[in-house]
Amino acid sequence: MRFYTFDEVTELFQIHDKKLRTLVANNQIPFIRIGKEYRFLEDDLKQWFTDNRYKTVEITYGKKQAG
């Protein structure tokens, strides 16, 4: 079992840290929070990538809207 750090995931997927923070905030990517740190399980990331590789993930910056 391997866990990735926040920075490792941004490098792995070649995305900006702001984009990953938005994915986490919107629960659009699987993660585990340990204290103030985020960890990403390798198997979860592989499954998430496989499930979403042909989908467009909509990223909305700014405040969340009440739903």
PDB file of N, CA and C in Angstrom:
ATOM      1  N   MET A   1       0.860  -1.167   0.000  1.00  0.00           N
ATOM      2  CA  MET A   1       0.000   0.000   0.000  1.00  0.00           C
ATOM      3  C   MET A   1       0.908   1.232   0.000  1.00  0.00           C
ATOM      4  N   ARG A   2       0.700   2.106  -0.975  1.00  0.00           N
ATOM      5  CA  ARG A   2       1.508   3.318  -1.071  1.00  0.00           C
ATOM      6  C   ARG A   2       0.611   4.538  -1.040  1.00  0.00           C
ATOM      7  N   PHE A   3       1.010   5.502  -0.254  1.00  0.00           N
ATOM      8  CA  PHE A   3       0.301   6.769  -0.176  1.00  0.00           C
ATOM      9  C   PHE A   3       1.133   7.852  -0.852  1.00  0.00           C
ATOM     10  N   TYR A   4       0.458   8.745  -1.552  1.00  0.00           N
ATOM     11  CA  TYR A   4       1.105   9.897  -2.175  1.00  0.00           C
ATOM     12  C   TYR A   4       0.773  11.150  -1.371  1.00  0.00           C
ATOM     13  N   THR A   5       1.704  12.084  -1.339  1.00  0.00           N
ATOM     14  CA  THR A   5       1.451  13.382  -0.724  1.00  0.00           C
ATOM     15  C   THR A   5       0.741  14.273  -1.739  1.00  0.00           C
ATOM     16  N   PHE A   6       0.301  15.416  -1.258  1.00  0.00           N
ATOM     17  CA  PHE A   6      -0.361  16.387  -2.121  1.00  0.00           C
ATOM     18  C   PHE A   6       0.548  16.788  -3.280  1.00  0.00           C
ATOM     19  N   ASP A   7       1.786  17.126  -2.962  1.00  0.00           N
ATOM     20  CA  ASP A   7       2.731  17.561  -3.995  1.00  0.00           C
ATOM     21  C   ASP A   7       3.037  16.447  -4.994  1.00  0.00           C
ATOM     22  N   GLU A   8       3.118  15.221  -4.512  1.00  0.00           N
ATOM     23  CA  GLU A   8       3.380  14.099  -5.415  1.00  0.00           C
ATOM     24  C   GLU A   8       2.237  13.900  -6.408  1.00  0.00           C
ATOM     25  N   VAL A   9       1.006  14.107  -5.952  1.00  0.00           N
ATOM     26  CA  VAL A   9      -0.145  13.952  -6.856  1.00  0.00           C
ATOM     27  C   VAL A   9      -0.160  15.049  -7.918  1.00  0.00           C
ATOM     28  N   THR A  10       0.185  16.276  -7.524  1.00  0.00           N
ATOM     29  CA  THR A  10       0.224  17.345  -8.532  1.00  0.00           C
ATOM     30  C   THR A  10       1.283  17.045  -9.589  1.00  0.00           C
ATOM     31  N   GLU A  11       2.399  16.483  -9.170  1.00  0.00           N
ATOM     32  CA  GLU A  11       3.447  16.111 -10.132  1.00  0.00           C
ATOM     33  C   GLU A  11       3.025  14.912 -10.977  1.00  0.00           C
ATOM     34  N   LEU A  12       2.428  13.916 -10.340  1.00  0.00           N
ATOM     35  CA  LEU A  12       1.999  12.706 -11.032  1.00  0.00           C
ATOM     36  C   LEU A  12       1.012  13.013 -12.154  1.00  0.00           C
ATOM     37  N   PHE A  13       0.008  13.842 -11.860  1.00  0.00           N
ATOM     38  CA  PHE A  13      -1.019  14.173 -12.841  1.00  0.00           C
ATOM     39  C   PHE A  13      -0.705  15.452 -13.625  1.00  0.00           C
ATOM     40  N   GLN A  14       0.411  16.084 -13.288  1.00  0.00           N
ATOM     41  CA  GLN A  14       0.844  17.316 -13.954  1.00  0.00           C
ATOM     42  C   GLN A  14      -0.254  18.373 -13.948  1.00  0.00           C
ATOM     43  N   ILE A  15      -0.753  18.633 -12.737  1.00  0.00           N
ATOM     44  CA  ILE A  15      -1.782  19.653 -12.557  1.00  0.00           C
ATOM     45  C   ILE A  15      -1.298  20.666 -11.526  1.00  0.00           C
ATOM     46  N   HIS A  16      -1.883  21.839 -11.567  1.00  0.00           N
ATOM     47  CA  HIS A  16      -1.554  22.909 -10.638  1.00  0.00           C
ATOM     48  C   HIS A  16      -2.132  22.570  -9.263  1.00  0.00           C
ATOM     49  N   ASP A  17      -1.470  23.001  -8.209  1.00  0.00           N
ATOM     50  CA  ASP A  17      -1.949  22.692  -6.864  1.00  0.00           C
ATOM     51  C   ASP A  17      -3.336  23.271  -6.590  1.00  0.00           C
ATOM     52  N   LYS A  18      -3.661  24.385  -7.211  1.00  0.00           N
ATOM     53  CA  LYS A  18      -4.994  24.973  -7.034  1.00  0.00           C
ATOM     54  C   LYS A  18      -6.070  24.048  -7.594  1.00  0.00           C
ATOM     55  N   LYS A  19      -5.778  23.402  -8.704  1.00  0.00           N
ATOM     56  CA  LYS A  19      -6.737  22.481  -9.298  1.00  0.00           C
ATOM     57  C   LYS A  19      -6.962  21.270  -8.383  1.00  0.00           C
ATOM     58  N   LEU A  20      -5.865  20.734  -7.811  1.00  0.00           N
ATOM     59  CA  LEU A  20      -6.014  19.587  -6.906  1.00  0.00           C
ATOM     60  C   LEU A  20      -6.762  19.992  -5.644  1.00  0.00           C
ATOM     61  N   ARG A  21      -6.485  21.178  -5.121  1.00  0.00           N
ATOM     62  CA  ARG A  21      -7.218  21.647  -3.937  1.00  0.00           C
ATOM     63  C   ARG A  21      -8.717  21.741  -4.219  1.00  0.00           C
ATOM     64  N   THR A  22      -9.075  22.171  -5.403  1.00  0.00           N
ATOM     65  CA  THR A  22     -10.488  22.263  -5.778  1.00  0.00           C
ATOM     66  C   THR A  22     -11.103  20.876  -5.906  1.00  0.00           C
ATOM     67  N   LEU A  23     -10.378  19.936  -6.509  1.00  0.00           N
ATOM     68  CA  LEU A  23     -10.877  18.558  -6.594  1.00  0.00           C
ATOM     69  C   LEU A  23     -11.120  17.978  -5.203  1.00  0.00           C
ATOM     70  N   VAL A  24     -10.204  18.229  -4.287  1.00  0.00           N
ATOM     71  CA  VAL A  24     -10.350  17.748  -2.912  1.00  0.00           C
ATOM     72  C   VAL A  24     -11.538  18.431  -2.241  1.00  0.00           C
ATOM     73  N   ALA A  25     -11.625  19.749  -2.352  1.00  0.00           N
ATOM     74  CA  ALA A  25     -12.703  20.508  -1.705  1.00  0.00           C
ATOM     75  C   ALA A  25     -14.075  20.071  -2.182  1.00  0.00           C
ATOM     76  N   ASN A  26     -14.161  19.662  -3.442  1.00  0.00           N
ATOM     77  CA  ASN A  26     -15.442  19.231  -4.022  1.00  0.00           C
ATOM     78  C   ASN A  26     -15.633  17.710  -3.974  1.00  0.00           C
ATOM     79  N   ASN A  27     -14.733  17.036  -3.251  1.00  0.00           N
ATOM     80  CA  ASN A  27     -14.785  15.566  -3.139  1.00  0.00           C
ATOM     81  C   ASN A  27     -14.841  14.885  -4.497  1.00  0.00           C
ATOM     82  N   GLN A  28     -14.069  15.392  -5.450  1.00  0.00           N
ATOM     83  CA  GLN A  28     -14.038  14.832  -6.798  1.00  0.00           C
ATOM     84  C   GLN A  28     -12.870  13.877  -6.997  1.00  0.00           C
ATOM     85  N   ILE A  29     -12.035  13.715  -5.983  1.00  0.00           N
ATOM     86  CA  ILE A  29     -10.903  12.801  -6.039  1.00  0.00           C
ATOM     87  C   ILE A  29     -10.798  12.139  -4.660  1.00  0.00           C
ATOM     88  N   PRO A  30     -10.511  10.841  -4.621  1.00  0.00           N
ATOM     89  CA  PRO A  30     -10.440  10.173  -3.313  1.00  0.00           C
ATOM     90  C   PRO A  30      -9.187  10.591  -2.541  1.00  0.00           C
ATOM     91  N   PHE A  31      -9.368  10.878  -1.254  1.00  0.00           N
ATOM     92  CA  PHE A  31      -8.259  11.297  -0.407  1.00  0.00           C
ATOM     93  C   PHE A  31      -8.540  10.904   1.035  1.00  0.00           C
ATOM     94  N   ILE A  32      -7.492  10.924   1.827  1.00  0.00           N
ATOM     95  CA  ILE A  32      -7.600  10.699   3.261  1.00  0.00           C
ATOM     96  C   ILE A  32      -6.964  11.909   3.925  1.00  0.00           C
ATOM     97  N   ARG A  33      -7.616  12.431   4.923  1.00  0.00           N
ATOM     98  CA  ARG A  33      -7.063  13.576   5.637  1.00  0.00           C
ATOM     99  C   ARG A  33      -6.512  13.088   6.974  1.00  0.00           C
ATOM    100  N   ILE A  34      -5.256  13.377   7.203  1.00  0.00           N
ATOM    101  CA  ILE A  34      -4.600  13.019   8.452  1.00  0.00           C
ATOM    102  C   ILE A  34      -4.145  14.326   9.084  1.00  0.00           C
ATOM    103  N   GLY A  35      -4.886  14.769  10.060  1.00  0.00           N
ATOM    104  CA  GLY A  35      -4.615  16.087  10.644  1.00  0.00           C
ATOM    105  C   GLY A  35      -4.876  17.149   9.598  1.00  0.00           C
ATOM    106  N   LYS A  36      -3.855  17.944   9.298  1.00  0.00           N
ATOM    107  CA  LYS A  36      -3.995  18.986   8.278  1.00  0.00           C
ATOM    108  C   LYS A  36      -3.454  18.543   6.926  1.00  0.00           C
ATOM    109  N   GLU A  37      -2.948  17.328   6.860  1.00  0.00           N
ATOM    110  CA  GLU A  37      -2.328  16.817   5.639  1.00  0.00           C
ATOM    111  C   GLU A  37      -3.293  15.933   4.860  1.00  0.00           C
ATOM    112  N   TYR A  38      -3.137  15.933   3.543  1.00  0.00           N
ATOM    113  CA  TYR A  38      -3.916  15.055   2.676  1.00  0.00           C
ATOM    114  C   TYR A  38      -3.012  13.945   2.165  1.00  0.00           C
ATOM    115  N   ARG A  39      -3.553  12.735   2.098  1.00  0.00           N
ATOM    116  CA  ARG A  39      -2.840  11.597   1.531  1.00  0.00           C
ATOM    117  C   ARG A  39      -3.755  10.935   0.507  1.00  0.00           C
ATOM    118  N   PHE A  40      -3.138  10.384  -0.504  1.00  0.00           N
ATOM    119  CA  PHE A  40      -3.866   9.777  -1.605  1.00  0.00           C
ATOM    120  C   PHE A  40      -3.356   8.352  -1.788  1.00  0.00           C
ATOM    121  N   LEU A  41      -4.224   7.385  -1.653  1.00  0.00           N
ATOM    122  CA  LEU A  41      -3.855   5.984  -1.788  1.00  0.00           C
ATOM    123  C   LEU A  41      -3.656   5.648  -3.268  1.00  0.00           C
ATOM    124  N   GLU A  42      -2.546   5.009  -3.579  1.00  0.00           N
ATOM    125  CA  GLU A  42      -2.201   4.707  -4.966  1.00  0.00           C
ATOM    126  C   GLU A  42      -3.317   3.947  -5.689  1.00  0.00           C
ATOM    127  N   ASP A  43      -3.864   2.914  -5.058  1.00  0.00           N
ATOM    128  CA  ASP A  43      -4.933   2.135  -5.698  1.00  0.00           C
ATOM    129  C   ASP A  43      -6.170   2.985  -5.978  1.00  0.00           C
ATOM    130  N   ASP A  44      -6.508   3.880  -5.047  1.00  0.00           N
ATOM    131  CA  ASP A  44      -7.654   4.781  -5.249  1.00  0.00           C
ATOM    132  C   ASP A  44      -7.406   5.728  -6.418  1.00  0.00           C
ATOM    133  N   LEU A  45      -6.178   6.246  -6.525  1.00  0.00           N
ATOM    134  CA  LEU A  45      -5.850   7.153  -7.622  1.00  0.00           C
ATOM    135  C   LEU A  45      -5.905   6.438  -8.967  1.00  0.00           C
ATOM    136  N   LYS A  46      -5.396   5.208  -9.008  1.00  0.00           N
ATOM    137  CA  LYS A  46      -5.455   4.437 -10.254  1.00  0.00           C
ATOM    138  C   LYS A  46      -6.890   4.201 -10.682  1.00  0.00           C
ATOM    139  N   GLN A  47      -7.745   3.821  -9.731  1.00  0.00           N
ATOM    140  CA  GLN A  47      -9.155   3.574 -10.047  1.00  0.00           C
ATOM    141  C   GLN A  47      -9.846   4.865 -10.472  1.00  0.00           C
ATOM    142  N   TRP A  48      -9.573   5.957  -9.759  1.00  0.00           N
ATOM    143  CA  TRP A  48     -10.179   7.246 -10.095  1.00  0.00           C
ATOM    144  C   TRP A  48      -9.760   7.675 -11.502  1.00  0.00           C
ATOM    145  N   PHE A  49      -8.478   7.506 -11.817  1.00  0.00           N
ATOM    146  CA  PHE A  49      -7.976   7.880 -13.133  1.00  0.00           C
ATOM    147  C   PHE A  49      -8.629   7.030 -14.221  1.00  0.00           C
ATOM    148  N   THR A  50      -8.738   5.726 -13.996  1.00  0.00           N
ATOM    149  CA  THR A  50      -9.371   4.820 -14.961  1.00  0.00           C
ATOM    150  C   THR A  50     -10.835   5.190 -15.170  1.00  0.00           C
ATOM    151  N   ASP A  51     -11.535   5.464 -14.079  1.00  0.00           N
ATOM    152  CA  ASP A  51     -12.959   5.805 -14.166  1.00  0.00           C
ATOM    153  C   ASP A  51     -13.205   7.150 -14.831  1.00  0.00           C
ATOM    154  N   ASN A  52     -12.225   8.048 -14.782  1.00  0.00           N
ATOM    155  CA  ASN A  52     -12.433   9.418 -15.262  1.00  0.00           C
ATOM    156  C   ASN A  52     -11.587   9.807 -16.457  1.00  0.00           C
ATOM    157  N   ARG A  53     -10.874   8.872 -17.034  1.00  0.00           N
ATOM    158  CA  ARG A  53      -9.935   9.265 -18.087  1.00  0.00           C
ATOM    159  C   ARG A  53     -10.611   9.785 -19.347  1.00  0.00           C
ATOM    160  N   TYR A  54     -11.855   9.432 -19.585  1.00  0.00           N
ATOM    161  CA  TYR A  54     -12.554   9.924 -20.774  1.00  0.00           C
ATOM    162  C   TYR A  54     -13.624  10.945 -20.428  1.00  0.00           C
ATOM    163  N   LYS A  55     -13.649  11.380 -19.183  1.00  0.00           N
ATOM    164  CA  LYS A  55     -14.615  12.371 -18.729  1.00  0.00           C
ATOM    165  C   LYS A  55     -13.912  13.710 -18.539  1.00  0.00           C
ATOM    166  N   THR A  56     -14.672  14.759 -18.636  1.00  0.00           N
ATOM    167  CA  THR A  56     -14.169  16.082 -18.315  1.00  0.00           C
ATOM    168  C   THR A  56     -14.547  16.360 -16.875  1.00  0.00           C
ATOM    169  N   VAL A  57     -13.566  16.678 -16.066  1.00  0.00           N
ATOM    170  CA  VAL A  57     -13.823  17.029 -14.679  1.00  0.00           C
ATOM    171  C   VAL A  57     -13.961  18.535 -14.625  1.00  0.00           C
ATOM    172  N   GLU A  58     -15.145  18.995 -14.223  1.00  0.00           N
ATOM    173  CA  GLU A  58     -15.395  20.428 -14.174  1.00  0.00           C
ATOM    174  C   GLU A  58     -14.822  21.004 -12.895  1.00  0.00           C
ATOM    175  N   ILE A  59     -13.995  21.991 -13.039  1.00  0.00           N
ATOM    176  CA  ILE A  59     -13.371  22.664 -11.906  1.00  0.00           C
ATOM    177  C   ILE A  59     -13.947  24.065 -11.823  1.00  0.00           C
ATOM    178  N   THR A  60     -14.528  24.387 -10.672  1.00  0.00           N
ATOM    179  CA  THR A  60     -15.072  25.717 -10.450  1.00  0.00           C
ATOM    180  C   THR A  60     -14.286  26.369  -9.323  1.00  0.00           C
ATOM    181  N   TYR A  61     -13.662  27.474  -9.613  1.00  0.00           N
ATOM    182  CA  TYR A  61     -12.877  28.188  -8.610  1.00  0.00           C
ATOM    183  C   TYR A  61     -13.764  29.191  -7.905  1.00  0.00           C
ATOM    184  N   GLY A  62     -13.481  29.433  -6.653  1.00  0.00           N
ATOM    185  CA  GLY A  62     -14.246  30.417  -5.898  1.00  0.00           C
ATOM    186  C   GLY A  62     -15.070  29.749  -4.833  1.00  0.00           C
ATOM    187  N   LYS A  63     -16.060  30.447  -4.368  1.00  0.00           N
ATOM    188  CA  LYS A  63     -16.883  29.969  -3.261  1.00  0.00           C
ATOM    189  C   LYS A  63     -17.845  28.878  -3.731  1.00  0.00           C
ATOM    190  N   LYS A  64     -18.107  27.942  -2.807  1.00  0.00           N
ATOM    191  CA  LYS A  64     -19.101  26.911  -3.091  1.00  0.00           C
ATOM    192  C   LYS A  64     -20.482  27.530  -2.979  1.00  0.00           C
ATOM    193  N   GLN A  65     -21.381  27.073  -3.810  1.00  0.00           N
ATOM    194  CA  GLN A  65     -22.750  27.539  -3.742  1.00  0.00           C
ATOM    195  C   GLN A  65     -23.536  26.632  -2.806  1.00  0.00           C
ATOM    196  N   ALA A  66     -24.425  27.206  -2.022  1.00  0.00           N
ATOM    197  CA  ALA A  66     -25.267  26.410  -1.134  1.00  0.00           C
ATOM    198  C   ALA A  66     -26.220  25.589  -1.969  1.00  0.00           C
ATOM    199  N   GLY A  67     -26.388  24.339  -1.595  1.00  0.00           N
ATOM    200  CA  GLY A  67     -27.210  23.470  -2.421  1.00  0.00           C
ATOM    201  C   GLY A  67     -28.339  22.873  -1.777  1.00  0.00           C
TER     202      GLY A  67
END
